[in-house]
Amino acid sequence: MKNLEYKGYTGTIEYSSEDELLFGKVIGIKSLLSYEGSTGAELEADFRAVIDEYLEDCRASDKKPEKPFKGSFNVRIPSDLHRDAALKAMELNTSLNGFVSESIRARLLQ
């Protein structure tokens, strides 16, 4: 397991040899949510507790929780690559977004 997953949130897993402690933070949101534990089970339990506490705090303050990895992001690429991708997408009768999504998916499966 490279990351922790809970209720749509993803957390890192790191180790501090100095403190002999596992720790991590929730990624994909601006809020800083961190957790720790002496064992994997403790780390995962604290991760879940931090997410539950964050969601409860949002509910209590009538604040919408941040949604991790919303599905949109800006990518800066050379103009010739942009042109080639757009032309290839048209050739394949798909949108540029669809072409980029499929390209990323294919690369992740390698």
PDB file of N, CA and C in Angstrom:
ATOM      1  N   MET A   1       0.857  -1.177   0.000  1.00  0.00           N
ATOM      2  CA  MET A   1       0.000   0.000   0.000  1.00  0.00           C
ATOM      3  C   MET A   1       0.900   1.237   0.000  1.00  0.00           C
ATOM      4  N   LYS A   2       0.690   2.095  -0.978  1.00  0.00           N
ATOM      5  CA  LYS A   2       1.496   3.304  -1.092  1.00  0.00           C
ATOM      6  C   LYS A   2       0.828   4.501  -0.427  1.00  0.00           C
ATOM      7  N   ASN A   3      -0.504   4.472  -0.368  1.00  0.00           N
ATOM      8  CA  ASN A   3      -1.283   5.565   0.211  1.00  0.00           C
ATOM      9  C   ASN A   3      -2.443   4.987   1.003  1.00  0.00           C
ATOM     10  N   LEU A   4      -3.034   5.836   1.819  1.00  0.00           N
ATOM     11  CA  LEU A   4      -4.247   5.473   2.540  1.00  0.00           C
ATOM     12  C   LEU A   4      -5.433   6.095   1.811  1.00  0.00           C
ATOM     13  N   GLU A   5      -6.566   5.412   1.787  1.00  0.00           N
ATOM     14  CA  GLU A   5      -7.783   5.896   1.128  1.00  0.00           C
ATOM     15  C   GLU A   5      -8.948   5.770   2.103  1.00  0.00           C
ATOM     16  N   TYR A   6      -9.754   6.845   2.169  1.00  0.00           N
ATOM     17  CA  TYR A   6     -10.936   6.807   3.041  1.00  0.00           C
ATOM     18  C   TYR A   6     -11.885   7.917   2.617  1.00  0.00           C
ATOM     19  N   LYS A   7     -13.126   7.571   2.351  1.00  0.00           N
ATOM     20  CA  LYS A   7     -14.174   8.520   1.996  1.00  0.00           C
ATOM     21  C   LYS A   7     -13.761   9.463   0.861  1.00  0.00           C
ATOM     22  N   GLY A   8     -13.008   8.937  -0.086  1.00  0.00           N
ATOM     23  CA  GLY A   8     -12.591   9.742  -1.232  1.00  0.00           C
ATOM     24  C   GLY A   8     -11.345  10.567  -1.010  1.00  0.00           C
ATOM     25  N   TYR A   9     -10.753  10.487   0.168  1.00  0.00           N
ATOM     26  CA  TYR A   9      -9.529  11.235   0.482  1.00  0.00           C
ATOM     27  C   TYR A   9      -8.329  10.295   0.446  1.00  0.00           C
ATOM     28  N   THR A  10      -7.189  10.838   0.071  1.00  0.00           N
ATOM     29  CA  THR A  10      -5.957  10.068  -0.039  1.00  0.00           C
ATOM     30  C   THR A  10      -4.919  10.653   0.900  1.00  0.00           C
ATOM     31  N   GLY A  11      -4.213   9.780   1.593  1.00  0.00           N
ATOM     32  CA  GLY A  11      -3.174  10.229   2.518  1.00  0.00           C
ATOM     33  C   GLY A  11      -1.852   9.539   2.249  1.00  0.00           C
ATOM     34  N   THR A  12      -0.776  10.230   2.530  1.00  0.00           N
ATOM     35  CA  THR A  12       0.563   9.678   2.343  1.00  0.00           C
ATOM     36  C   THR A  12       0.946   8.804   3.531  1.00  0.00           C
ATOM     37  N   ILE A  13       1.973   7.998   3.324  1.00  0.00           N
ATOM     38  CA  ILE A  13       2.551   7.179   4.389  1.00  0.00           C
ATOM     39  C   ILE A  13       4.048   7.453   4.397  1.00  0.00           C
ATOM     40  N   GLU A  14       4.541   7.988   5.499  1.00  0.00           N
ATOM     41  CA  GLU A  14       5.964   8.287   5.626  1.00  0.00           C
ATOM     42  C   GLU A  14       6.456   7.763   6.970  1.00  0.00           C
ATOM     43  N   TYR A  15       7.778   7.677   7.094  1.00  0.00           N
ATOM     44  CA  TYR A  15       8.368   7.163   8.327  1.00  0.00           C
ATOM     45  C   TYR A  15       9.483   8.086   8.792  1.00  0.00           C
ATOM     46  N   SER A  16       9.478   8.412  10.074  1.00  0.00           N
ATOM     47  CA  SER A  16      10.545   9.191  10.686  1.00  0.00           C
ATOM     48  C   SER A  16      11.386   8.244  11.534  1.00  0.00           C
ATOM     49  N   SER A  17      12.616   7.955  11.067  1.00  0.00           N
ATOM     50  CA  SER A  17      13.486   7.074  11.845  1.00  0.00           C
ATOM     51  C   SER A  17      13.926   7.767  13.133  1.00  0.00           C
ATOM     52  N   GLU A  18      14.020   9.083  13.084  1.00  0.00           N
ATOM     53  CA  GLU A  18      14.405   9.847  14.272  1.00  0.00           C
ATOM     54  C   GLU A  18      13.378   9.684  15.391  1.00  0.00           C
ATOM     55  N   ASP A  19      12.107   9.752  15.021  1.00  0.00           N
ATOM     56  CA  ASP A  19      11.028   9.632  16.009  1.00  0.00           C
ATOM     57  C   ASP A  19      10.479   8.208  16.106  1.00  0.00           C
ATOM     58  N   GLU A  20      10.918   7.335  15.196  1.00  0.00           N
ATOM     59  CA  GLU A  20      10.389   5.975  15.105  1.00  0.00           C
ATOM     60  C   GLU A  20       8.864   6.009  15.032  1.00  0.00           C
ATOM     61  N   LEU A  21       8.372   6.810  14.083  1.00  0.00           N
ATOM     62  CA  LEU A  21       6.944   7.084  13.990  1.00  0.00           C
ATOM     63  C   LEU A  21       6.522   7.131  12.531  1.00  0.00           C
ATOM     64  N   LEU A  22       5.371   6.557  12.231  1.00  0.00           N
ATOM     65  CA  LEU A  22       4.750   6.707  10.923  1.00  0.00           C
ATOM     66  C   LEU A  22       3.920   7.980  10.937  1.00  0.00           C
ATOM     67  N   PHE A  23       3.883   8.696   9.820  1.00  0.00           N
ATOM     68  CA  PHE A  23       3.091   9.911   9.750  1.00  0.00           C
ATOM     69  C   PHE A  23       2.671  10.138   8.305  1.00  0.00           C
ATOM     70  N   GLY A  24       1.765  11.074   8.107  1.00  0.00           N
ATOM     71  CA  GLY A  24       1.331  11.400   6.759  1.00  0.00           C
ATOM     72  C   GLY A  24       0.445  12.617   6.751  1.00  0.00           C
ATOM     73  N   LYS A  25       0.046  13.000   5.534  1.00  0.00           N
ATOM     74  CA  LYS A  25      -0.879  14.117   5.374  1.00  0.00           C
ATOM     75  C   LYS A  25      -1.829  13.799   4.236  1.00  0.00           C
ATOM     76  N   VAL A  26      -2.997  14.409   4.284  1.00  0.00           N
ATOM     77  CA  VAL A  26      -4.001  14.243   3.246  1.00  0.00           C
ATOM     78  C   VAL A  26      -3.560  15.083   2.053  1.00  0.00           C
ATOM     79  N   ILE A  27      -3.590  14.491   0.870  1.00  0.00           N
ATOM     80  CA  ILE A  27      -3.166  15.200  -0.335  1.00  0.00           C
ATOM     81  C   ILE A  27      -4.362  15.496  -1.234  1.00  0.00           C
ATOM     82  N   GLY A  28      -4.207  16.492  -2.079  1.00  0.00           N
ATOM     83  CA  GLY A  28      -5.254  16.838  -3.029  1.00  0.00           C
ATOM     84  C   GLY A  28      -6.217  17.904  -2.544  1.00  0.00           C
ATOM     85  N   ILE A  29      -5.973  18.443  -1.336  1.00  0.00           N
ATOM     86  CA  ILE A  29      -6.788  19.539  -0.805  1.00  0.00           C
ATOM     87  C   ILE A  29      -5.854  20.602  -0.228  1.00  0.00           C
ATOM     88  N   LYS A  30      -6.372  21.814  -0.067  1.00  0.00           N
ATOM     89  CA  LYS A  30      -5.553  22.907   0.461  1.00  0.00           C
ATOM     90  C   LYS A  30      -5.409  22.841   1.984  1.00  0.00           C
ATOM     91  N   SER A  31      -6.420  22.332   2.667  1.00  0.00           N
ATOM     92  CA  SER A  31      -6.357  22.224   4.131  1.00  0.00           C
ATOM     93  C   SER A  31      -5.238  21.268   4.526  1.00  0.00           C
ATOM     94  N   LEU A  32      -4.577  21.573   5.636  1.00  0.00           N
ATOM     95  CA  LEU A  32      -3.509  20.704   6.125  1.00  0.00           C
ATOM     96  C   LEU A  32      -4.106  19.748   7.149  1.00  0.00           C
ATOM     97  N   LEU A  33      -4.199  18.479   6.757  1.00  0.00           N
ATOM     98  CA  LEU A  33      -4.697  17.435   7.643  1.00  0.00           C
ATOM     99  C   LEU A  33      -3.584  16.409   7.779  1.00  0.00           C
ATOM    100  N   SER A  34      -3.061  16.248   8.994  1.00  0.00           N
ATOM    101  CA  SER A  34      -1.975  15.304   9.214  1.00  0.00           C
ATOM    102  C   SER A  34      -2.362  14.304  10.293  1.00  0.00           C
ATOM    103  N   TYR A  35      -1.617  13.204  10.340  1.00  0.00           N
ATOM    104  CA  TYR A  35      -1.914  12.105  11.254  1.00  0.00           C
ATOM    105  C   TYR A  35      -0.635  11.335  11.505  1.00  0.00           C
ATOM    106  N   GLU A  36      -0.659  10.483  12.539  1.00  0.00           N
ATOM    107  CA  GLU A  36       0.534   9.706  12.882  1.00  0.00           C
ATOM    108  C   GLU A  36       0.149   8.443  13.631  1.00  0.00           C
ATOM    109  N   GLY A  37       1.119   7.564  13.779  1.00  0.00           N
ATOM    110  CA  GLY A  37       0.897   6.339  14.530  1.00  0.00           C
ATOM    111  C   GLY A  37       2.185   5.560  14.686  1.00  0.00           C
ATOM    112  N   SER A  38       2.248   4.744  15.706  1.00  0.00           N
ATOM    113  CA  SER A  38       3.430   3.905  15.946  1.00  0.00           C
ATOM    114  C   SER A  38       3.412   2.646  15.092  1.00  0.00           C
ATOM    115  N   THR A  39       2.216   2.243  14.664  1.00  0.00           N
ATOM    116  CA  THR A  39       2.063   1.049  13.821  1.00  0.00           C
ATOM    117  C   THR A  39       1.206   1.424  12.612  1.00  0.00           C
ATOM    118  N   GLY A  40       1.172   0.535  11.646  1.00  0.00           N
ATOM    119  CA  GLY A  40       0.319   0.765  10.488  1.00  0.00           C
ATOM    120  C   GLY A  40      -1.143   0.900  10.877  1.00  0.00           C
ATOM    121  N   ALA A  41      -1.575   0.064  11.794  1.00  0.00           N
ATOM    122  CA  ALA A  41      -2.980   0.111  12.245  1.00  0.00           C
ATOM    123  C   ALA A  41      -3.283   1.440  12.935  1.00  0.00           C
ATOM    124  N   GLU A  42      -2.358   1.915  13.772  1.00  0.00           N
ATOM    125  CA  GLU A  42      -2.556   3.203  14.449  1.00  0.00           C
ATOM    126  C   GLU A  42      -2.565   4.346  13.440  1.00  0.00           C
ATOM    127  N   LEU A  43      -1.673   4.280  12.450  1.00  0.00           N
ATOM    128  CA  LEU A  43      -1.621   5.320  11.415  1.00  0.00           C
ATOM    129  C   LEU A  43      -2.941   5.382  10.663  1.00  0.00           C
ATOM    130  N   GLU A  44      -3.439   4.225  10.253  1.00  0.00           N
ATOM    131  CA  GLU A  44      -4.688   4.194   9.499  1.00  0.00           C
ATOM    132  C   GLU A  44      -5.873   4.662  10.344  1.00  0.00           C
ATOM    133  N   ALA A  45      -5.897   4.291  11.603  1.00  0.00           N
ATOM    134  CA  ALA A  45      -6.982   4.729  12.490  1.00  0.00           C
ATOM    135  C   ALA A  45      -6.951   6.241  12.677  1.00  0.00           C
ATOM    136  N   ASP A  46      -5.754   6.821  12.841  1.00  0.00           N
ATOM    137  CA  ASP A  46      -5.644   8.274  13.016  1.00  0.00           C
ATOM    138  C   ASP A  46      -6.002   8.994  11.722  1.00  0.00           C
ATOM    139  N   PHE A  47      -5.620   8.423  10.578  1.00  0.00           N
ATOM    140  CA  PHE A  47      -5.988   8.989   9.271  1.00  0.00           C
ATOM    141  C   PHE A  47      -7.508   9.069   9.146  1.00  0.00           C
ATOM    142  N   ARG A  48      -8.183   7.970   9.454  1.00  0.00           N
ATOM    143  CA  ARG A  48      -9.644   7.946   9.358  1.00  0.00           C
ATOM    144  C   ARG A  48     -10.279   8.932  10.343  1.00  0.00           C
ATOM    145  N   ALA A  49      -9.718   9.010  11.545  1.00  0.00           N
ATOM    146  CA  ALA A  49     -10.251   9.937  12.549  1.00  0.00           C
ATOM    147  C   ALA A  49     -10.091  11.388  12.095  1.00  0.00           C
ATOM    148  N   VAL A  50      -8.963  11.708  11.474  1.00  0.00           N
ATOM    149  CA  VAL A  50      -8.722  13.068  10.986  1.00  0.00           C
ATOM    150  C   VAL A  50      -9.731  13.424   9.894  1.00  0.00           C
ATOM    151  N   ILE A  51     -10.010  12.492   8.994  1.00  0.00           N
ATOM    152  CA  ILE A  51     -10.993  12.742   7.931  1.00  0.00           C
ATOM    153  C   ILE A  51     -12.371  12.940   8.543  1.00  0.00           C
ATOM    154  N   ASP A  52     -12.765  12.046   9.456  1.00  0.00           N
ATOM    155  CA  ASP A  52     -14.082  12.165  10.096  1.00  0.00           C
ATOM    156  C   ASP A  52     -14.207  13.489  10.848  1.00  0.00           C
ATOM    157  N   GLU A  53     -13.150  13.884  11.554  1.00  0.00           N
ATOM    158  CA  GLU A  53     -13.165  15.147  12.302  1.00  0.00           C
ATOM    159  C   GLU A  53     -13.269  16.338  11.347  1.00  0.00           C
ATOM    160  N   TYR A  54     -12.522  16.300  10.251  1.00  0.00           N
ATOM    161  CA  TYR A  54     -12.577  17.368   9.250  1.00  0.00           C
ATOM    162  C   TYR A  54     -13.996  17.507   8.687  1.00  0.00           C
ATOM    163  N   LEU A  55     -14.611  16.383   8.320  1.00  0.00           N
ATOM    164  CA  LEU A  55     -15.966  16.427   7.766  1.00  0.00           C
ATOM    165  C   LEU A  55     -16.973  16.915   8.794  1.00  0.00           C
ATOM    166  N   GLU A  56     -16.813  16.503  10.047  1.00  0.00           N
ATOM    167  CA  GLU A  56     -17.711  16.963  11.105  1.00  0.00           C
ATOM    168  C   GLU A  56     -17.531  18.461  11.356  1.00  0.00           C
ATOM    169  N   ASP A  57     -16.294  18.940  11.387  1.00  0.00           N
ATOM    170  CA  ASP A  57     -16.031  20.377  11.547  1.00  0.00           C
ATOM    171  C   ASP A  57     -16.665  21.180  10.415  1.00  0.00           C
ATOM    172  N   CYS A  58     -16.571  20.661   9.201  1.00  0.00           N
ATOM    173  CA  CYS A  58     -17.192  21.340   8.056  1.00  0.00           C
ATOM    174  C   CYS A  58     -18.703  21.402   8.224  1.00  0.00           C
ATOM    175  N   ARG A  59     -19.307  20.286   8.639  1.00  0.00           N
ATOM    176  CA  ARG A  59     -20.758  20.268   8.864  1.00  0.00           C
ATOM    177  C   ARG A  59     -21.149  21.255   9.954  1.00  0.00           C
ATOM    178  N   ALA A  60     -20.400  21.248  11.053  1.00  0.00           N
ATOM    179  CA  ALA A  60     -20.723  22.110  12.196  1.00  0.00           C
ATOM    180  C   ALA A  60     -20.609  23.592  11.845  1.00  0.00           C
ATOM    181  N   SER A  61     -19.680  23.930  10.970  1.00  0.00           N
ATOM    182  CA  SER A  61     -19.486  25.337  10.606  1.00  0.00           C
ATOM    183  C   SER A  61     -20.187  25.683   9.294  1.00  0.00           C
ATOM    184  N   ASP A  62     -21.002  24.761   8.786  1.00  0.00           N
ATOM    185  CA  ASP A  62     -21.748  24.960   7.542  1.00  0.00           C
ATOM    186  C   ASP A  62     -20.817  25.330   6.385  1.00  0.00           C
ATOM    187  N   LYS A  63     -19.669  24.656   6.359  1.00  0.00           N
ATOM    188  CA  LYS A  63     -18.653  24.871   5.329  1.00  0.00           C
ATOM    189  C   LYS A  63     -18.612  23.635   4.433  1.00  0.00           C
ATOM    190  N   LYS A  64     -18.518  23.854   3.135  1.00  0.00           N
ATOM    191  CA  LYS A  64     -18.453  22.730   2.202  1.00  0.00           C
ATOM    192  C   LYS A  64     -17.040  22.131   2.258  1.00  0.00           C
ATOM    193  N   PRO A  65     -16.929  20.817   2.519  1.00  0.00           N
ATOM    194  CA  PRO A  65     -15.599  20.186   2.555  1.00  0.00           C
ATOM    195  C   PRO A  65     -14.925  20.258   1.188  1.00  0.00           C
ATOM    196  N   GLU A  66     -13.624  20.402   1.201  1.00  0.00           N
ATOM    197  CA  GLU A  66     -12.883  20.400  -0.051  1.00  0.00           C
ATOM    198  C   GLU A  66     -12.993  19.017  -0.690  1.00  0.00           C
ATOM    199  N   LYS A  67     -13.148  19.002  -1.982  1.00  0.00           N
ATOM    200  CA  LYS A  67     -13.212  17.748  -2.718  1.00  0.00           C
ATOM    201  C   LYS A  67     -11.826  17.500  -3.316  1.00  0.00           C
ATOM    202  N   PRO A  68     -11.211  16.401  -2.935  1.00  0.00           N
ATOM    203  CA  PRO A  68      -9.876  16.129  -3.481  1.00  0.00           C
ATOM    204  C   PRO A  68      -9.948  15.727  -4.948  1.00  0.00           C
ATOM    205  N   PHE A  69      -8.959  16.151  -5.693  1.00  0.00           N
ATOM    206  CA  PHE A  69      -8.823  15.760  -7.099  1.00  0.00           C
ATOM    207  C   PHE A  69     -10.144  15.900  -7.845  1.00  0.00           C
ATOM    208  N   LYS A  70     -10.543  17.148  -8.048  1.00  0.00           N
ATOM    209  CA  LYS A  70     -11.834  17.468  -8.646  1.00  0.00           C
ATOM    210  C   LYS A  70     -12.013  16.947 -10.058  1.00  0.00           C
ATOM    211  N   GLY A  71     -10.927  16.608 -10.721  1.00  0.00           N
ATOM    212  CA  GLY A  71     -11.056  16.095 -12.079  1.00  0.00           C
ATOM    213  C   GLY A  71     -10.712  17.125 -13.139  1.00  0.00           C
ATOM    214  N   SER A  72     -10.291  18.301 -12.721  1.00  0.00           N
ATOM    215  CA  SER A  72      -9.848  19.289 -13.703  1.00  0.00           C
ATOM    216  C   SER A  72      -8.520  19.877 -13.229  1.00  0.00           C
ATOM    217  N   PHE A  73      -7.638  20.091 -14.192  1.00  0.00           N
ATOM    218  CA  PHE A  73      -6.355  20.710 -13.899  1.00  0.00           C
ATOM    219  C   PHE A  73      -5.798  21.322 -15.170  1.00  0.00           C
ATOM    220  N   ASN A  74      -4.973  22.319 -15.019  1.00  0.00           N
ATOM    221  CA  ASN A  74      -4.342  22.969 -16.163  1.00  0.00           C
ATOM    222  C   ASN A  74      -2.987  22.345 -16.414  1.00  0.00           C
ATOM    223  N   VAL A  75      -2.700  22.100 -17.670  1.00  0.00           N
ATOM    224  CA  VAL A  75      -1.422  21.531 -18.051  1.00  0.00           C
ATOM    225  C   VAL A  75      -0.802  22.453 -19.091  1.00  0.00           C
ATOM    226  N   ARG A  76       0.440  22.811 -18.866  1.00  0.00           N
ATOM    227  CA  ARG A  76       1.152  23.635 -19.833  1.00  0.00           C
ATOM    228  C   ARG A  76       2.062  22.731 -20.658  1.00  0.00           C
ATOM    229  N   ILE A  77       1.837  22.744 -21.964  1.00  0.00           N
ATOM    230  CA  ILE A  77       2.638  21.918 -22.872  1.00  0.00           C
ATOM    231  C   ILE A  77       3.065  22.786 -24.055  1.00  0.00           C
ATOM    232  N   PRO A  78       4.083  22.374 -24.774  1.00  0.00           N
ATOM    233  CA  PRO A  78       4.488  23.136 -25.960  1.00  0.00           C
ATOM    234  C   PRO A  78       3.348  23.211 -26.975  1.00  0.00           C
ATOM    235  N   SER A  79       3.274  24.307 -27.697  1.00  0.00           N
ATOM    236  CA  SER A  79       2.164  24.521 -28.634  1.00  0.00           C
ATOM    237  C   SER A  79       2.105  23.454 -29.721  1.00  0.00           C
ATOM    238  N   ASP A  80       3.251  22.949 -30.160  1.00  0.00           N
ATOM    239  CA  ASP A  80       3.218  21.909 -31.190  1.00  0.00           C
ATOM    240  C   ASP A  80       2.632  20.599 -30.649  1.00  0.00           C
ATOM    241  N   LEU A  81       2.891  20.289 -29.377  1.00  0.00           N
ATOM    242  CA  LEU A  81       2.307  19.099 -28.760  1.00  0.00           C
ATOM    243  C   LEU A  81       0.800  19.278 -28.596  1.00  0.00           C
ATOM    244  N   HIS A  82       0.373  20.477 -28.221  1.00  0.00           N
ATOM    245  CA  HIS A  82      -1.051  20.794 -28.092  1.00  0.00           C
ATOM    246  C   HIS A  82      -1.735  20.589 -29.447  1.00  0.00           C
ATOM    247  N   ARG A  83      -1.132  21.130 -30.511  1.00  0.00           N
ATOM    248  CA  ARG A  83      -1.690  20.996 -31.857  1.00  0.00           C
ATOM    249  C   ARG A  83      -1.791  19.527 -32.265  1.00  0.00           C
ATOM    250  N   ASP A  84      -0.692  18.784 -32.058  1.00  0.00           N
ATOM    251  CA  ASP A  84      -0.680  17.372 -32.450  1.00  0.00           C
ATOM    252  C   ASP A  84      -1.716  16.558 -31.689  1.00  0.00           C
ATOM    253  N   ALA A  85      -1.874  16.847 -30.410  1.00  0.00           N
ATOM    254  CA  ALA A  85      -2.872  16.129 -29.604  1.00  0.00           C
ATOM    255  C   ALA A  85      -4.283  16.469 -30.067  1.00  0.00           C
ATOM    256  N   ALA A  86      -4.534  17.735 -30.349  1.00  0.00           N
ATOM    257  CA  ALA A  86      -5.860  18.146 -30.813  1.00  0.00           C
ATOM    258  C   ALA A  86      -6.183  17.505 -32.162  1.00  0.00           C
ATOM    259  N   LEU A  87      -5.209  17.477 -33.058  1.00  0.00           N
ATOM    260  CA  LEU A  87      -5.430  16.846 -34.367  1.00  0.00           C
ATOM    261  C   LEU A  87      -5.674  15.345 -34.234  1.00  0.00           C
ATOM    262  N   LYS A  88      -4.911  14.690 -33.358  1.00  0.00           N
ATOM    263  CA  LYS A  88      -5.088  13.252 -33.139  1.00  0.00           C
ATOM    264  C   LYS A  88      -6.467  12.969 -32.538  1.00  0.00           C
ATOM    265  N   ALA A  89      -6.902  13.824 -31.617  1.00  0.00           N
ATOM    266  CA  ALA A  89      -8.231  13.665 -31.015  1.00  0.00           C
ATOM    267  C   ALA A  89      -9.314  13.774 -32.086  1.00  0.00           C
ATOM    268  N   MET A  90      -9.169  14.755 -32.989  1.00  0.00           N
ATOM    269  CA  MET A  90     -10.157  14.895 -34.071  1.00  0.00           C
ATOM    270  C   MET A  90     -10.141  13.669 -34.975  1.00  0.00           C
ATOM    271  N   GLU A  91      -8.946  13.185 -35.258  1.00  0.00           N
ATOM    272  CA  GLU A  91      -8.803  11.986 -36.097  1.00  0.00           C
ATOM    273  C   GLU A  91      -9.510  10.783 -35.460  1.00  0.00           C
ATOM    274  N   LEU A  92      -9.446  10.704 -34.136  1.00  0.00           N
ATOM    275  CA  LEU A  92     -10.070   9.601 -33.399  1.00  0.00           C
ATOM    276  C   LEU A  92     -11.530   9.877 -33.055  1.00  0.00           C
ATOM    277  N   ASN A  93     -12.027  11.029 -33.519  1.00  0.00           N
ATOM    278  CA  ASN A  93     -13.408  11.435 -33.275  1.00  0.00           C
ATOM    279  C   ASN A  93     -13.737  11.517 -31.780  1.00  0.00           C
ATOM    280  N   THR A  94     -12.841  12.135 -31.043  1.00  0.00           N
ATOM    281  CA  THR A  94     -13.045  12.346 -29.614  1.00  0.00           C
ATOM    282  C   THR A  94     -12.637  13.777 -29.265  1.00  0.00           C
ATOM    283  N   SER A  95     -12.917  14.187 -28.067  1.00  0.00           N
ATOM    284  CA  SER A  95     -12.508  15.524 -27.622  1.00  0.00           C
ATOM    285  C   SER A  95     -11.051  15.493 -27.164  1.00  0.00           C
ATOM    286  N   LEU A  96     -10.466  16.666 -27.054  1.00  0.00           N
ATOM    287  CA  LEU A  96      -9.109  16.744 -26.532  1.00  0.00           C
ATOM    288  C   LEU A  96      -9.070  16.234 -25.089  1.00  0.00           C
ATOM    289  N   ASN A  97     -10.087  16.574 -24.296  1.00  0.00           N
ATOM    290  CA  ASN A  97     -10.156  16.060 -22.917  1.00  0.00           C
ATOM    291  C   ASN A  97     -10.213  14.542 -22.903  1.00  0.00           C
ATOM    292  N   GLY A  98     -11.023  13.959 -23.771  1.00  0.00           N
ATOM    293  CA  GLY A  98     -11.116  12.508 -23.839  1.00  0.00           C
ATOM    294  C   GLY A  98      -9.797  11.878 -24.255  1.00  0.00           C
ATOM    295  N   PHE A  99      -9.133  12.492 -25.218  1.00  0.00           N
ATOM    296  CA  PHE A  99      -7.842  11.987 -25.678  1.00  0.00           C
ATOM    297  C   PHE A  99      -6.801  12.032 -24.562  1.00  0.00           C
ATOM    298  N   VAL A 100      -6.753  13.156 -23.857  1.00  0.00           N
ATOM    299  CA  VAL A 100      -5.784  13.298 -22.750  1.00  0.00           C
ATOM    300  C   VAL A 100      -6.111  12.311 -21.637  1.00  0.00           C
ATOM    301  N   SER A 101      -7.381  12.160 -21.300  1.00  0.00           N
ATOM    302  CA  SER A 101      -7.776  11.206 -20.262  1.00  0.00           C
ATOM    303  C   SER A 101      -7.352   9.793 -20.618  1.00  0.00           C
ATOM    304  N   GLU A 102      -7.617   9.385 -21.846  1.00  0.00           N
ATOM    305  CA  GLU A 102      -7.246   8.041 -22.279  1.00  0.00           C
ATOM    306  C   GLU A 102      -5.731   7.862 -22.313  1.00  0.00           C
ATOM    307  N   SER A 103      -5.011   8.909 -22.699  1.00  0.00           N
ATOM    308  CA  SER A 103      -3.543   8.841 -22.727  1.00  0.00           C
ATOM    309  C   SER A 103      -2.979   8.679 -21.329  1.00  0.00           C
ATOM    310  N   ILE A 104      -3.514   9.409 -20.395  1.00  0.00           N
ATOM    311  CA  ILE A 104      -3.058   9.287 -19.008  1.00  0.00           C
ATOM    312  C   ILE A 104      -3.394   7.897 -18.474  1.00  0.00           C
ATOM    313  N   ARG A 105      -4.622   7.439 -18.724  1.00  0.00           N
ATOM    314  CA  ARG A 105      -5.044   6.117 -18.265  1.00  0.00           C
ATOM    315  C   ARG A 105      -4.106   5.022 -18.823  1.00  0.00           C
ATOM    316  N   ALA A 106      -3.799   5.114 -20.096  1.00  0.00           N
ATOM    317  CA  ALA A 106      -2.914   4.123 -20.725  1.00  0.00           C
ATOM    318  C   ALA A 106      -1.528   4.146 -20.090  1.00  0.00           C
ATOM    319  N   ARG A 107      -1.034   5.318 -19.807  1.00  0.00           N
ATOM    320  CA  ARG A 107       0.304   5.440 -19.186  1.00  0.00           C
ATOM    321  C   ARG A 107       0.297   4.884 -17.769  1.00  0.00           C
ATOM    322  N   LEU A 108      -0.780   5.090 -17.032  1.00  0.00           N
ATOM    323  CA  LEU A 108      -0.857   4.577 -15.659  1.00  0.00           C
ATOM    324  C   LEU A 108      -0.939   3.060 -15.621  1.00  0.00           C
ATOM    325  N   LEU A 109      -1.443   2.454 -16.670  1.00  0.00           N
ATOM    326  CA  LEU A 109      -1.567   1.000 -16.716  1.00  0.00           C
ATOM    327  C   LEU A 109      -0.276   0.303 -17.127  1.00  0.00           C
ATOM    328  N   GLN A 110       0.716   1.064 -17.540  1.00  0.00           N
ATOM    329  CA  GLN A 110       1.998   0.478 -17.965  1.00  0.00           C
ATOM    330  C   GLN A 110       2.776  -0.054 -16.777  1.00  0.00           C
TER     331      GLN A 110
END
